[in-house]
Amino acid sequence: MHIKGTEKLREKLPSYSGRKIIFISLIAISSITVGALLYVFMNLMRYFFPENEFIILIEPILPILFQMLLLSSGFFLVSTMWSRKVKLLENDHRRAYEIGAIPGCI
C-alpha cells in the first residue's frame, strides 16, 4: 500500500523516518479521541450537574462554544507554525518543518 505524499513528508521530517512516522498518526488519533470525549462531556454536562442553573441556561449554545474553542485552538497551532516557518527555513532548511511545530505536538 502506497500513500500519496509519504516521500515528501519524510523529506520534511527527517527525524521521523521509517517506523517513527507512525507517531504522527498516533498524535492525530489521540487528538480526535480527546476532542470527541470532550464533546460528549460538554453535551452531557447538564446530567452531571443538574442543580447548576448556569449550565442549564447555556446548554443550548454549549456545542457552538465548544466547536469555536476547538477551531480557535487549531487555528492557533497552525498560525504559530506558519508564522515561524520563514525564520526556521533561513536557519535550518532541512529540519525547519520538524522544529517548527509546537513542542509536544510532533
C-alpha atoms as a PDB file:
ATOM      1  CA  MET A   1       0.000   0.000   0.000  1.00  0.00           C
ATOM      2  CA  HIS A   2       1.417   3.357  -1.046  1.00  0.00           C
ATOM      3  CA  ILE A   3       0.108   6.582   0.434  1.00  0.00           C
ATOM      4  CA  LYS A   4       0.484   9.623  -1.798  1.00  0.00           C
ATOM      5  CA  GLY A   5       2.842  12.220  -0.353  1.00  0.00           C
ATOM      6  CA  THR A   6       4.687   9.949   2.079  1.00  0.00           C
ATOM      7  CA  GLU A   7       8.058  10.616   0.469  1.00  0.00           C
ATOM      8  CA  LYS A   8       7.520  14.383   0.655  1.00  0.00           C
ATOM      9  CA  LEU A   9       6.531  14.090   4.327  1.00  0.00           C
ATOM     10  CA  ARG A  10       9.689  12.103   5.070  1.00  0.00           C
ATOM     11  CA  GLU A  11      11.750  14.792   3.350  1.00  0.00           C
ATOM     12  CA  LYS A  12      10.193  17.458   5.573  1.00  0.00           C
ATOM     13  CA  LEU A  13      10.528  15.400   8.784  1.00  0.00           C
ATOM     14  CA  PRO A  14      13.880  13.573   8.550  1.00  0.00           C
ATOM     15  CA  SER A  15      13.921  12.510  12.222  1.00  0.00           C
ATOM     16  CA  TYR A  16      10.635  10.682  11.714  1.00  0.00           C
ATOM     17  CA  SER A  17      11.815   8.344   9.001  1.00  0.00           C
ATOM     18  CA  GLY A  18      10.962   4.653   8.967  1.00  0.00           C
ATOM     19  CA  ARG A  19       8.574   3.465  11.636  1.00  0.00           C
ATOM     20  CA  LYS A  20       8.748   6.710  13.637  1.00  0.00           C
ATOM     21  CA  ILE A  21       6.311   8.254  11.175  1.00  0.00           C
ATOM     22  CA  ILE A  22       3.582   6.278  12.973  1.00  0.00           C
ATOM     23  CA  PHE A  23       3.848   8.796  15.836  1.00  0.00           C
ATOM     24  CA  ILE A  24       2.209  11.424  13.640  1.00  0.00           C
ATOM     25  CA  SER A  25      -0.769   9.116  13.115  1.00  0.00           C
ATOM     26  CA  LEU A  26      -0.955   8.370  16.839  1.00  0.00           C
ATOM     27  CA  ILE A  27      -0.956  12.081  17.642  1.00  0.00           C
ATOM     28  CA  ALA A  28      -3.803  12.645  15.174  1.00  0.00           C
ATOM     29  CA  ILE A  29      -5.845   9.705  16.502  1.00  0.00           C
ATOM     30  CA  SER A  30      -5.330  10.744  20.124  1.00  0.00           C
ATOM     31  CA  SER A  31      -6.301  14.345  19.309  1.00  0.00           C
ATOM     32  CA  ILE A  32      -9.511  13.168  17.640  1.00  0.00           C
ATOM     33  CA  THR A  33     -10.289  10.900  20.605  1.00  0.00           C
ATOM     34  CA  VAL A  34      -9.727  13.647  23.183  1.00  0.00           C
ATOM     35  CA  GLY A  35     -11.831  16.062  21.139  1.00  0.00           C
ATOM     36  CA  ALA A  36     -14.676  13.549  20.859  1.00  0.00           C
ATOM     37  CA  LEU A  37     -14.591  12.794  24.591  1.00  0.00           C
ATOM     38  CA  LEU A  38     -14.645  16.493  25.439  1.00  0.00           C
ATOM     39  CA  TYR A  39     -17.540  16.999  23.050  1.00  0.00           C
ATOM     40  CA  VAL A  40     -19.522  14.203  24.714  1.00  0.00           C
ATOM     41  CA  PHE A  41     -18.718  15.634  28.152  1.00  0.00           C
ATOM     42  CA  MET A  42     -19.891  19.078  27.100  1.00  0.00           C
ATOM     43  CA  ASN A  43     -23.152  17.637  25.819  1.00  0.00           C
ATOM     44  CA  LEU A  44     -23.732  15.576  28.965  1.00  0.00           C
ATOM     45  CA  MET A  45     -22.660  18.252  31.420  1.00  0.00           C
ATOM     46  CA  ARG A  46     -26.226  19.069  32.472  1.00  0.00           C
ATOM     47  CA  TYR A  47     -26.694  15.479  33.642  1.00  0.00           C
ATOM     48  CA  PHE A  48     -23.530  15.625  35.744  1.00  0.00           C
ATOM     49  CA  PHE A  49     -24.503  18.957  37.334  1.00  0.00           C
ATOM     50  CA  PRO A  50     -28.329  19.012  37.349  1.00  0.00           C
ATOM     51  CA  GLU A  51     -28.615  21.646  40.103  1.00  0.00           C
ATOM     52  CA  ASN A  52     -26.357  24.184  38.393  1.00  0.00           C
ATOM     53  CA  GLU A  53     -28.677  26.722  36.785  1.00  0.00           C
ATOM     54  CA  PHE A  54     -25.921  28.411  34.779  1.00  0.00           C
ATOM     55  CA  ILE A  55     -25.135  25.209  32.878  1.00  0.00           C
ATOM     56  CA  ILE A  56     -28.832  24.661  32.195  1.00  0.00           C
ATOM     57  CA  LEU A  57     -29.047  28.250  30.931  1.00  0.00           C
ATOM     58  CA  ILE A  58     -26.100  27.992  28.500  1.00  0.00           C
ATOM     59  CA  GLU A  59     -26.796  24.396  27.442  1.00  0.00           C
ATOM     60  CA  PRO A  60     -28.282  25.291  24.030  1.00  0.00           C
ATOM     61  CA  ILE A  61     -25.134  27.133  22.980  1.00  0.00           C
ATOM     62  CA  LEU A  62     -22.542  24.752  24.511  1.00  0.00           C
ATOM     63  CA  PRO A  63     -21.959  22.786  21.257  1.00  0.00           C
ATOM     64  CA  ILE A  64     -21.339  26.008  19.351  1.00  0.00           C
ATOM     65  CA  LEU A  65     -18.996  27.337  22.043  1.00  0.00           C
ATOM     66  CA  PHE A  66     -17.076  24.065  22.124  1.00  0.00           C
ATOM     67  CA  GLN A  67     -16.674  24.000  18.351  1.00  0.00           C
ATOM     68  CA  MET A  68     -15.457  27.591  18.425  1.00  0.00           C
ATOM     69  CA  LEU A  69     -12.931  26.632  21.113  1.00  0.00           C
ATOM     70  CA  LEU A  70     -11.628  23.689  19.072  1.00  0.00           C
ATOM     71  CA  LEU A  71     -11.414  25.719  15.867  1.00  0.00           C
ATOM     72  CA  SER A  72      -9.612  28.598  17.532  1.00  0.00           C
ATOM     73  CA  SER A  73      -7.060  26.274  19.137  1.00  0.00           C
ATOM     74  CA  GLY A  74      -6.471  24.584  15.771  1.00  0.00           C
ATOM     75  CA  PHE A  75      -6.034  27.919  14.022  1.00  0.00           C
ATOM     76  CA  PHE A  76      -3.639  28.989  16.779  1.00  0.00           C
ATOM     77  CA  LEU A  77      -1.466  25.885  16.302  1.00  0.00           C
ATOM     78  CA  VAL A  78      -1.343  26.277  12.531  1.00  0.00           C
ATOM     79  CA  SER A  79      -0.724  30.026  12.607  1.00  0.00           C
ATOM     80  CA  THR A  80       2.160  29.732  15.067  1.00  0.00           C
ATOM     81  CA  MET A  81       3.866  27.137  12.898  1.00  0.00           C
ATOM     82  CA  TRP A  82       3.431  29.108   9.677  1.00  0.00           C
ATOM     83  CA  SER A  83       4.475  32.405  11.246  1.00  0.00           C
ATOM     84  CA  ARG A  84       7.739  30.816  12.382  1.00  0.00           C
ATOM     85  CA  LYS A  85       8.308  28.977   9.088  1.00  0.00           C
ATOM     86  CA  VAL A  86      10.256  31.669   7.243  1.00  0.00           C
ATOM     87  CA  LYS A  87      12.707  32.221  10.085  1.00  0.00           C
ATOM     88  CA  LEU A  88      13.207  28.491  10.559  1.00  0.00           C
ATOM     89  CA  LEU A  89      13.734  27.950   6.826  1.00  0.00           C
ATOM     90  CA  GLU A  90      16.539  30.525   6.911  1.00  0.00           C
ATOM     91  CA  ASN A  91      18.223  28.976   9.958  1.00  0.00           C
ATOM     92  CA  ASP A  92      17.916  25.239   9.271  1.00  0.00           C
ATOM     93  CA  HIS A  93      16.315  24.419   5.925  1.00  0.00           C
ATOM     94  CA  ARG A  94      16.411  20.633   6.323  1.00  0.00           C
ATOM     95  CA  ARG A  95      14.648  20.496   9.710  1.00  0.00           C
ATOM     96  CA  ALA A  96      12.518  23.652   9.526  1.00  0.00           C
ATOM     97  CA  TYR A  97       9.158  21.888   9.490  1.00  0.00           C
ATOM     98  CA  GLU A  98      10.222  19.425  12.143  1.00  0.00           C
ATOM     99  CA  ILE A  99      11.271  22.031  14.711  1.00  0.00           C
ATOM    100  CA  GLY A 100       8.617  24.483  13.544  1.00  0.00           C
ATOM    101  CA  ALA A 101       5.823  22.546  15.190  1.00  0.00           C
ATOM    102  CA  ILE A 102       4.963  23.463  18.738  1.00  0.00           C
ATOM    103  CA  PRO A 103       6.945  21.184  21.080  1.00  0.00           C
ATOM    104  CA  GLY A 104       4.832  18.263  22.188  1.00  0.00           C
ATOM    105  CA  CYS A 105       2.674  18.195  19.050  1.00  0.00           C
ATOM    106  CA  ILE A 106       5.171  16.202  16.995  1.00  0.00           C
END
